[in-house]
Amino acid sequence: MNKIALFADGKVGLECVKFLLSKYIDDISYIVVTDKKSIVYQNLQKIFFDKKRILFNQNIVNSQLESVDYIFLLWWPHLIKESVIKTAKNGVINTHPSLLPYNRGKNYNFWNLIEDVPFGVSLHFVSHGIDDGDIIFQKEISKTWEDNGESLYCKAQSEMIKLFKRRYIKILKSDFVRKTQDLTKGSYHNSKELEPYSEIFLDKRYLAKDFLNVLRAKTFPPYEGCYFYEDNCKYEIQIKIKKVKE
C-alpha cells in the first residue's frame, strides 16, 4: 500500500485532497494545513477523515511524522524543512504554476507577461533550491492579449488540478522520466521585485508592448494595479484588452 502526505492549501489543495479522499483515501497518512481558517481544514471538518491525521504547519516540526513514500505540496505557500523532506522515501513533489524553468519563485502570473515566455504548470521534485528540482510532468497553457494577471492565475489553478489528477497514479508507479531543468533559460523572482514595476512614471518612455504588458500583468482585482502620481494625487490603473472582429 502506498503512503503519502499532503501539504495542501487554497483551491488547488482543496480539489486535489477531495480527489484523493474520494478515490485513494487509504494512501493518505496525514494532511498538513496552514491553519484553522484554511478552506482545506474547513472542508476536512465536514467529511470522514481521522482528525488525528490532520496537522498544522506551525506544529509540524514538533510532530512525529511517520515515514511515507511521497510528500505532495499542493499549492503550499511555505518552504518545508529538511527534516520533513527526509520523511519521504521517494521524494517531495511540488505543484508549481509555471512552465518551469520559466518564472520560478513568486508572482509567476505577473512575470510571465512581463518576460513574454511560455506559460503552463509543472509537477517537479523538491530540491535544495527554490522550484529548481527535476520536472516530471508539465502542461503548457495558451494565452492571448486578452489575458492578465488574474486570468493566468485562474488558468494555472484549473490546469494544475487536472494535471495532478491525471498523473497521480503514474507518480506512484514511478512511471515518469525526470528532466533536469536548464536554469539558464528560465528566471527566478522574489516578492520584493514586484513593487518597482508597479509605479508608472509619466515622463518616462516605454515601448508600447512593454507598457501594455506591465499594465495587464498587474490587473488582478481586488489587488492594486499599476499606479502613477500627479499633483500629489495617486491614480491606479486597471486595463481590459478585448479582441474585436474587423
C-alpha atoms as a PDB file:
ATOM      1  CA  MET A   1       0.000   0.000   0.000  1.00  0.00           C
ATOM      2  CA  ASN A   2       1.200   3.483  -0.845  1.00  0.00           C
ATOM      3  CA  LYS A   3       1.685   6.038   1.900  1.00  0.00           C
ATOM      4  CA  ILE A   4       1.593   9.732   1.124  1.00  0.00           C
ATOM      5  CA  ALA A   5       1.478  13.025   2.982  1.00  0.00           C
ATOM      6  CA  LEU A   6      -0.316  16.094   1.657  1.00  0.00           C
ATOM      7  CA  PHE A   7       0.611  19.687   2.408  1.00  0.00           C
ATOM      8  CA  ALA A   8      -2.440  21.421   0.982  1.00  0.00           C
ATOM      9  CA  ASP A   9      -3.744  24.966   0.705  1.00  0.00           C
ATOM     10  CA  GLY A  10      -6.106  27.048  -1.414  1.00  0.00           C
ATOM     11  CA  LYS A  11      -8.422  25.882  -4.175  1.00  0.00           C
ATOM     12  CA  VAL A  12      -5.807  23.619  -5.760  1.00  0.00           C
ATOM     13  CA  GLY A  13      -5.009  21.945  -2.452  1.00  0.00           C
ATOM     14  CA  LEU A  14      -8.687  21.504  -1.657  1.00  0.00           C
ATOM     15  CA  GLU A  15      -9.627  19.962  -5.005  1.00  0.00           C
ATOM     16  CA  CYS A  16      -6.634  17.617  -5.012  1.00  0.00           C
ATOM     17  CA  VAL A  17      -7.368  16.500  -1.444  1.00  0.00           C
ATOM     18  CA  LYS A  18     -11.040  15.888  -2.299  1.00  0.00           C
ATOM     19  CA  PHE A  19      -9.955  13.826  -5.303  1.00  0.00           C
ATOM     20  CA  LEU A  20      -7.623  11.663  -3.215  1.00  0.00           C
ATOM     21  CA  LEU A  21     -10.142  11.234  -0.412  1.00  0.00           C
ATOM     22  CA  SER A  22     -12.761  10.051  -2.889  1.00  0.00           C
ATOM     23  CA  LYS A  23     -10.553   7.545  -4.725  1.00  0.00           C
ATOM     24  CA  TYR A  24      -7.368   6.862  -2.754  1.00  0.00           C
ATOM     25  CA  ILE A  25      -8.146   7.626   0.877  1.00  0.00           C
ATOM     26  CA  ASP A  26      -6.134   4.629   2.091  1.00  0.00           C
ATOM     27  CA  ASP A  27      -2.982   6.169   0.588  1.00  0.00           C
ATOM     28  CA  ILE A  28      -3.128   9.223   2.852  1.00  0.00           C
ATOM     29  CA  SER A  29      -1.073   9.084   6.037  1.00  0.00           C
ATOM     30  CA  TYR A  30      -1.680  12.693   7.013  1.00  0.00           C
ATOM     31  CA  ILE A  31      -2.752  16.081   5.704  1.00  0.00           C
ATOM     32  CA  VAL A  32      -0.985  19.274   6.731  1.00  0.00           C
ATOM     33  CA  VAL A  33      -2.892  22.570   6.573  1.00  0.00           C
ATOM     34  CA  THR A  34      -1.793  26.151   7.143  1.00  0.00           C
ATOM     35  CA  ASP A  35      -4.261  26.939   9.956  1.00  0.00           C
ATOM     36  CA  LYS A  36      -7.887  26.525  11.026  1.00  0.00           C
ATOM     37  CA  LYS A  37      -9.001  29.306   8.675  1.00  0.00           C
ATOM     38  CA  SER A  38      -7.841  27.478   5.546  1.00  0.00           C
ATOM     39  CA  ILE A  39     -10.505  26.168   3.174  1.00  0.00           C
ATOM     40  CA  VAL A  40      -8.814  22.782   3.233  1.00  0.00           C
ATOM     41  CA  TYR A  41      -9.182  22.498   7.006  1.00  0.00           C
ATOM     42  CA  GLN A  42     -12.759  23.796   6.952  1.00  0.00           C
ATOM     43  CA  ASN A  43     -13.765  21.146   4.418  1.00  0.00           C
ATOM     44  CA  LEU A  44     -11.979  18.362   6.260  1.00  0.00           C
ATOM     45  CA  GLN A  45     -14.258  19.043   9.231  1.00  0.00           C
ATOM     46  CA  LYS A  46     -17.273  18.150   7.088  1.00  0.00           C
ATOM     47  CA  ILE A  47     -16.111  14.774   5.805  1.00  0.00           C
ATOM     48  CA  PHE A  48     -14.948  11.469   7.204  1.00  0.00           C
ATOM     49  CA  PHE A  49     -11.232  11.590   7.893  1.00  0.00           C
ATOM     50  CA  ASP A  50      -9.290  10.738  11.026  1.00  0.00           C
ATOM     51  CA  LYS A  51      -8.809  14.133  12.658  1.00  0.00           C
ATOM     52  CA  LYS A  52      -5.652  12.888  14.382  1.00  0.00           C
ATOM     53  CA  ARG A  53      -4.024  12.794  10.963  1.00  0.00           C
ATOM     54  CA  ILE A  54      -4.651  16.497  10.312  1.00  0.00           C
ATOM     55  CA  LEU A  55      -1.604  18.565  11.280  1.00  0.00           C
ATOM     56  CA  PHE A  56      -0.990  22.310  11.376  1.00  0.00           C
ATOM     57  CA  ASN A  57       2.032  23.893   9.729  1.00  0.00           C
ATOM     58  CA  GLN A  58       3.201  25.743  12.842  1.00  0.00           C
ATOM     59  CA  ASN A  59       3.403  22.463  14.772  1.00  0.00           C
ATOM     60  CA  ILE A  60       4.854  20.279  12.053  1.00  0.00           C
ATOM     61  CA  VAL A  61       8.448  20.430  13.314  1.00  0.00           C
ATOM     62  CA  ASN A  62       7.384  19.149  16.706  1.00  0.00           C
ATOM     63  CA  SER A  63       5.190  16.389  15.307  1.00  0.00           C
ATOM     64  CA  GLN A  64       6.368  12.818  14.952  1.00  0.00           C
ATOM     65  CA  LEU A  65       5.903  12.355  11.228  1.00  0.00           C
ATOM     66  CA  GLU A  66       5.691   8.790  10.040  1.00  0.00           C
ATOM     67  CA  SER A  67       7.725   7.707   7.053  1.00  0.00           C
ATOM     68  CA  VAL A  68       5.857   7.990   3.740  1.00  0.00           C
ATOM     69  CA  ASP A  69       6.580   7.184   0.106  1.00  0.00           C
ATOM     70  CA  TYR A  70       5.868  10.697  -1.164  1.00  0.00           C
ATOM     71  CA  ILE A  71       5.043  14.143   0.141  1.00  0.00           C
ATOM     72  CA  PHE A  72       2.920  16.279  -2.177  1.00  0.00           C
ATOM     73  CA  LEU A  73       2.973  20.069  -1.877  1.00  0.00           C
ATOM     74  CA  LEU A  74      -0.410  21.082  -3.239  1.00  0.00           C
ATOM     75  CA  TRP A  75      -0.334  24.862  -3.730  1.00  0.00           C
ATOM     76  CA  TRP A  76       1.653  25.022  -0.498  1.00  0.00           C
ATOM     77  CA  PRO A  77       2.758  28.594   0.406  1.00  0.00           C
ATOM     78  CA  HIS A  78       5.649  27.751   2.747  1.00  0.00           C
ATOM     79  CA  LEU A  79       9.099  26.227   2.482  1.00  0.00           C
ATOM     80  CA  ILE A  80       9.409  22.895   4.294  1.00  0.00           C
ATOM     81  CA  LYS A  81      12.337  21.905   6.467  1.00  0.00           C
ATOM     82  CA  GLU A  82      14.946  19.333   5.543  1.00  0.00           C
ATOM     83  CA  SER A  83      13.847  17.141   8.455  1.00  0.00           C
ATOM     84  CA  VAL A  84      10.370  16.942   6.921  1.00  0.00           C
ATOM     85  CA  ILE A  85      11.708  16.229   3.427  1.00  0.00           C
ATOM     86  CA  LYS A  86      13.658  13.257   4.807  1.00  0.00           C
ATOM     87  CA  THR A  87      10.437  11.551   5.899  1.00  0.00           C
ATOM     88  CA  ALA A  88       9.554  10.928   2.219  1.00  0.00           C
ATOM     89  CA  LYS A  89      11.316   7.801   0.902  1.00  0.00           C
ATOM     90  CA  ASN A  90      10.836   8.650  -2.773  1.00  0.00           C
ATOM     91  CA  GLY A  91      10.928  12.424  -2.501  1.00  0.00           C
ATOM     92  CA  VAL A  92       8.771  15.534  -2.282  1.00  0.00           C
ATOM     93  CA  ILE A  93       6.770  16.649  -5.306  1.00  0.00           C
ATOM     94  CA  ASN A  94       5.643  20.232  -5.721  1.00  0.00           C
ATOM     95  CA  THR A  95       2.889  21.787  -7.792  1.00  0.00           C
ATOM     96  CA  HIS A  96       4.239  24.941  -9.419  1.00  0.00           C
ATOM     97  CA  PRO A  97       2.080  27.265 -11.554  1.00  0.00           C
ATOM     98  CA  SER A  98       4.567  27.992 -14.324  1.00  0.00           C
ATOM     99  CA  LEU A  99       6.183  26.142 -17.195  1.00  0.00           C
ATOM    100  CA  LEU A 100       9.495  25.560 -15.464  1.00  0.00           C
ATOM    101  CA  PRO A 101      12.234  26.675 -15.694  1.00  0.00           C
ATOM    102  CA  TYR A 102      10.377  29.907 -16.504  1.00  0.00           C
ATOM    103  CA  ASN A 103       9.049  32.031 -13.646  1.00  0.00           C
ATOM    104  CA  ARG A 104      10.389  30.188 -10.612  1.00  0.00           C
ATOM    105  CA  GLY A 105       9.622  31.769  -7.261  1.00  0.00           C
ATOM    106  CA  LYS A 106       6.868  34.324  -6.615  1.00  0.00           C
ATOM    107  CA  ASN A 107       4.308  36.140  -8.769  1.00  0.00           C
ATOM    108  CA  TYR A 108       4.575  33.785 -11.731  1.00  0.00           C
ATOM    109  CA  ASN A 109       1.471  35.272 -13.396  1.00  0.00           C
ATOM    110  CA  PHE A 110       2.964  38.785 -13.355  1.00  0.00           C
ATOM    111  CA  TRP A 111       6.422  37.815 -14.592  1.00  0.00           C
ATOM    112  CA  ASN A 112       5.098  35.569 -17.308  1.00  0.00           C
ATOM    113  CA  LEU A 113       3.526  38.555 -19.059  1.00  0.00           C
ATOM    114  CA  ILE A 114       6.460  40.856 -18.363  1.00  0.00           C
ATOM    115  CA  GLU A 115       9.001  38.392 -19.733  1.00  0.00           C
ATOM    116  CA  ASP A 116       6.681  37.127 -22.504  1.00  0.00           C
ATOM    117  CA  VAL A 117       7.670  33.469 -22.073  1.00  0.00           C
ATOM    118  CA  PRO A 118       5.682  30.213 -22.434  1.00  0.00           C
ATOM    119  CA  PHE A 119       3.063  29.645 -19.745  1.00  0.00           C
ATOM    120  CA  GLY A 120       1.926  26.461 -18.025  1.00  0.00           C
ATOM    121  CA  VAL A 121       2.022  24.334 -14.871  1.00  0.00           C
ATOM    122  CA  SER A 122       4.574  21.809 -13.606  1.00  0.00           C
ATOM    123  CA  LEU A 123       4.961  18.888 -11.234  1.00  0.00           C
ATOM    124  CA  HIS A 124       8.554  18.665 -10.036  1.00  0.00           C
ATOM    125  CA  PHE A 125      10.720  17.212  -7.314  1.00  0.00           C
ATOM    126  CA  VAL A 126      11.752  19.498  -4.486  1.00  0.00           C
ATOM    127  CA  SER A 127      15.494  20.102  -4.207  1.00  0.00           C
ATOM    128  CA  HIS A 128      17.618  22.381  -2.045  1.00  0.00           C
ATOM    129  CA  GLY A 129      16.828  25.404  -4.241  1.00  0.00           C
ATOM    130  CA  ILE A 130      13.501  27.066  -4.966  1.00  0.00           C
ATOM    131  CA  ASP A 131      11.429  25.496  -7.761  1.00  0.00           C
ATOM    132  CA  ASP A 132      14.573  24.147  -9.434  1.00  0.00           C
ATOM    133  CA  GLY A 133      14.142  20.387  -8.948  1.00  0.00           C
ATOM    134  CA  ASP A 134      13.698  17.806 -11.695  1.00  0.00           C
ATOM    135  CA  ILE A 135      10.491  18.122 -13.714  1.00  0.00           C
ATOM    136  CA  ILE A 136       8.289  15.040 -14.134  1.00  0.00           C
ATOM    137  CA  PHE A 137       5.099  16.376 -15.756  1.00  0.00           C
ATOM    138  CA  GLN A 138       4.042  19.649 -17.354  1.00  0.00           C
ATOM    139  CA  LYS A 139       1.111  21.148 -19.211  1.00  0.00           C
ATOM    140  CA  GLU A 140       1.545  24.188 -21.449  1.00  0.00           C
ATOM    141  CA  ILE A 141      -1.299  26.726 -21.348  1.00  0.00           C
ATOM    142  CA  SER A 142      -2.161  29.043 -24.213  1.00  0.00           C
ATOM    143  CA  LYS A 143      -2.503  32.769 -23.616  1.00  0.00           C
ATOM    144  CA  THR A 144      -3.547  35.807 -25.649  1.00  0.00           C
ATOM    145  CA  TRP A 145      -3.503  39.576 -25.379  1.00  0.00           C
ATOM    146  CA  GLU A 146      -6.806  39.312 -23.520  1.00  0.00           C
ATOM    147  CA  ASP A 147      -5.090  37.604 -20.579  1.00  0.00           C
ATOM    148  CA  ASN A 148      -3.992  39.474 -17.476  1.00  0.00           C
ATOM    149  CA  GLY A 149      -2.589  38.637 -14.052  1.00  0.00           C
ATOM    150  CA  GLU A 150      -5.958  37.399 -12.837  1.00  0.00           C
ATOM    151  CA  SER A 151      -6.779  35.188 -15.819  1.00  0.00           C
ATOM    152  CA  LEU A 152      -3.368  33.496 -15.764  1.00  0.00           C
ATOM    153  CA  TYR A 153      -3.797  32.805 -12.059  1.00  0.00           C
ATOM    154  CA  CYS A 154      -7.185  31.172 -12.689  1.00  0.00           C
ATOM    155  CA  LYS A 155      -5.936  29.182 -15.687  1.00  0.00           C
ATOM    156  CA  ALA A 156      -2.991  27.867 -13.670  1.00  0.00           C
ATOM    157  CA  GLN A 157      -5.241  26.727 -10.834  1.00  0.00           C
ATOM    158  CA  SER A 158      -7.584  24.872 -13.162  1.00  0.00           C
ATOM    159  CA  GLU A 159      -4.841  23.141 -15.157  1.00  0.00           C
ATOM    160  CA  MET A 160      -2.823  22.250 -12.071  1.00  0.00           C
ATOM    161  CA  ILE A 161      -5.770  20.360 -10.601  1.00  0.00           C
ATOM    162  CA  LYS A 162      -6.276  18.481 -13.871  1.00  0.00           C
ATOM    163  CA  LEU A 163      -2.584  17.652 -14.218  1.00  0.00           C
ATOM    164  CA  PHE A 164      -2.325  16.271 -10.689  1.00  0.00           C
ATOM    165  CA  LYS A 165      -5.428  14.105 -11.100  1.00  0.00           C
ATOM    166  CA  ARG A 166      -4.226  12.712 -14.427  1.00  0.00           C
ATOM    167  CA  ARG A 167      -0.704  11.927 -13.274  1.00  0.00           C
ATOM    168  CA  TYR A 168      -1.146  10.812  -9.663  1.00  0.00           C
ATOM    169  CA  ILE A 169      -1.124   7.070 -10.408  1.00  0.00           C
ATOM    170  CA  LYS A 170       1.836   7.416 -12.774  1.00  0.00           C
ATOM    171  CA  ILE A 171       3.797   9.075  -9.982  1.00  0.00           C
ATOM    172  CA  LEU A 172       3.062   6.292  -7.514  1.00  0.00           C
ATOM    173  CA  LYS A 173       4.134   3.729 -10.113  1.00  0.00           C
ATOM    174  CA  SER A 174       7.302   5.719 -10.897  1.00  0.00           C
ATOM    175  CA  ASP A 175       6.056   5.893 -14.478  1.00  0.00           C
ATOM    176  CA  PHE A 176       7.839   9.113 -15.395  1.00  0.00           C
ATOM    177  CA  VAL A 177      11.148  10.470 -16.612  1.00  0.00           C
ATOM    178  CA  ARG A 178      12.941  13.058 -14.516  1.00  0.00           C
ATOM    179  CA  LYS A 179      14.024  16.074 -16.549  1.00  0.00           C
ATOM    180  CA  THR A 180      16.750  18.324 -15.172  1.00  0.00           C
ATOM    181  CA  GLN A 181      15.877  21.993 -15.503  1.00  0.00           C
ATOM    182  CA  ASP A 182      18.029  24.191 -17.697  1.00  0.00           C
ATOM    183  CA  LEU A 183      18.109  27.202 -15.380  1.00  0.00           C
ATOM    184  CA  THR A 184      19.952  29.305 -17.985  1.00  0.00           C
ATOM    185  CA  LYS A 185      16.679  29.503 -19.925  1.00  0.00           C
ATOM    186  CA  GLY A 186      14.435  30.381 -17.027  1.00  0.00           C
ATOM    187  CA  SER A 187      14.049  33.064 -14.395  1.00  0.00           C
ATOM    188  CA  TYR A 188      13.577  33.398 -10.643  1.00  0.00           C
ATOM    189  CA  HIS A 189      11.847  36.236  -8.785  1.00  0.00           C
ATOM    190  CA  ASN A 190      11.136  37.010  -5.150  1.00  0.00           C
ATOM    191  CA  SER A 191       8.216  39.012  -3.778  1.00  0.00           C
ATOM    192  CA  LYS A 192      10.248  42.220  -3.329  1.00  0.00           C
ATOM    193  CA  GLU A 193      10.834  42.544  -7.075  1.00  0.00           C
ATOM    194  CA  LEU A 194       7.198  43.273  -7.873  1.00  0.00           C
ATOM    195  CA  GLU A 195       6.855  46.771  -6.412  1.00  0.00           C
ATOM    196  CA  PRO A 196       9.419  48.582  -8.625  1.00  0.00           C
ATOM    197  CA  TYR A 197       7.371  47.547 -11.680  1.00  0.00           C
ATOM    198  CA  SER A 198       4.123  48.868 -10.215  1.00  0.00           C
ATOM    199  CA  GLU A 199       4.741  52.594 -10.493  1.00  0.00           C
ATOM    200  CA  ILE A 200       4.338  54.285 -13.872  1.00  0.00           C
ATOM    201  CA  PHE A 201       6.347  57.471 -14.408  1.00  0.00           C
ATOM    202  CA  LEU A 202       4.589  59.972 -16.640  1.00  0.00           C
ATOM    203  CA  ASP A 203       7.796  61.400 -18.094  1.00  0.00           C
ATOM    204  CA  LYS A 204       9.396  58.022 -18.831  1.00  0.00           C
ATOM    205  CA  ARG A 205       9.474  56.445 -22.283  1.00  0.00           C
ATOM    206  CA  TYR A 206       8.111  52.912 -22.657  1.00  0.00           C
ATOM    207  CA  LEU A 207       7.827  50.570 -25.591  1.00  0.00           C
ATOM    208  CA  ALA A 208       4.102  50.178 -26.235  1.00  0.00           C
ATOM    209  CA  LYS A 209       4.238  46.388 -25.874  1.00  0.00           C
ATOM    210  CA  ASP A 210       6.163  46.548 -22.590  1.00  0.00           C
ATOM    211  CA  PHE A 211       3.809  49.215 -21.251  1.00  0.00           C
ATOM    212  CA  LEU A 212       0.684  47.179 -22.043  1.00  0.00           C
ATOM    213  CA  ASN A 213       2.242  44.038 -20.591  1.00  0.00           C
ATOM    214  CA  VAL A 214       3.010  45.612 -17.231  1.00  0.00           C
ATOM    215  CA  LEU A 215      -0.475  47.134 -17.025  1.00  0.00           C
ATOM    216  CA  ARG A 216      -2.276  43.870 -17.731  1.00  0.00           C
ATOM    217  CA  ALA A 217       0.141  41.859 -15.585  1.00  0.00           C
ATOM    218  CA  LYS A 218      -0.888  43.999 -12.614  1.00  0.00           C
ATOM    219  CA  THR A 219      -4.602  43.784 -13.422  1.00  0.00           C
ATOM    220  CA  PHE A 220      -5.929  41.405 -10.779  1.00  0.00           C
ATOM    221  CA  PRO A 221      -8.821  42.905  -8.767  1.00  0.00           C
ATOM    222  CA  PRO A 222      -9.091  43.480  -5.857  1.00  0.00           C
ATOM    223  CA  TYR A 223      -5.281  43.744  -5.701  1.00  0.00           C
ATOM    224  CA  GLU A 224      -3.722  47.094  -6.537  1.00  0.00           C
ATOM    225  CA  GLY A 225      -2.873  47.657 -10.164  1.00  0.00           C
ATOM    226  CA  CYS A 226      -0.159  49.888 -11.568  1.00  0.00           C
ATOM    227  CA  TYR A 227      -0.262  53.484 -10.383  1.00  0.00           C
ATOM    228  CA  PHE A 228       1.144  56.924 -11.049  1.00  0.00           C
ATOM    229  CA  TYR A 229       1.342  60.249  -9.227  1.00  0.00           C
ATOM    230  CA  GLU A 230       0.450  63.738 -10.389  1.00  0.00           C
ATOM    231  CA  ASP A 231      -0.212  66.901  -8.358  1.00  0.00           C
ATOM    232  CA  ASN A 232       0.249  64.951  -5.128  1.00  0.00           C
ATOM    233  CA  CYS A 233      -2.523  62.540  -6.124  1.00  0.00           C
ATOM    234  CA  LYS A 234      -2.167  58.819  -6.691  1.00  0.00           C
ATOM    235  CA  TYR A 235      -4.011  57.194  -9.596  1.00  0.00           C
ATOM    236  CA  GLU A 236      -4.482  53.454 -10.093  1.00  0.00           C
ATOM    237  CA  ILE A 237      -4.714  51.719 -13.465  1.00  0.00           C
ATOM    238  CA  GLN A 238      -6.619  48.548 -14.354  1.00  0.00           C
ATOM    239  CA  ILE A 239      -6.999  47.693 -18.035  1.00  0.00           C
ATOM    240  CA  LYS A 240      -9.025  45.343 -20.217  1.00  0.00           C
ATOM    241  CA  ILE A 241      -7.880  44.206 -23.642  1.00  0.00           C
ATOM    242  CA  LYS A 242     -10.575  42.769 -25.882  1.00  0.00           C
ATOM    243  CA  LYS A 243     -10.214  41.137 -29.275  1.00  0.00           C
ATOM    244  CA  VAL A 244     -12.606  42.582 -31.848  1.00  0.00           C
ATOM    245  CA  LYS A 245     -13.660  41.427 -35.297  1.00  0.00           C
ATOM    246  CA  GLU A 246     -12.627  43.675 -38.153  1.00  0.00           C
END
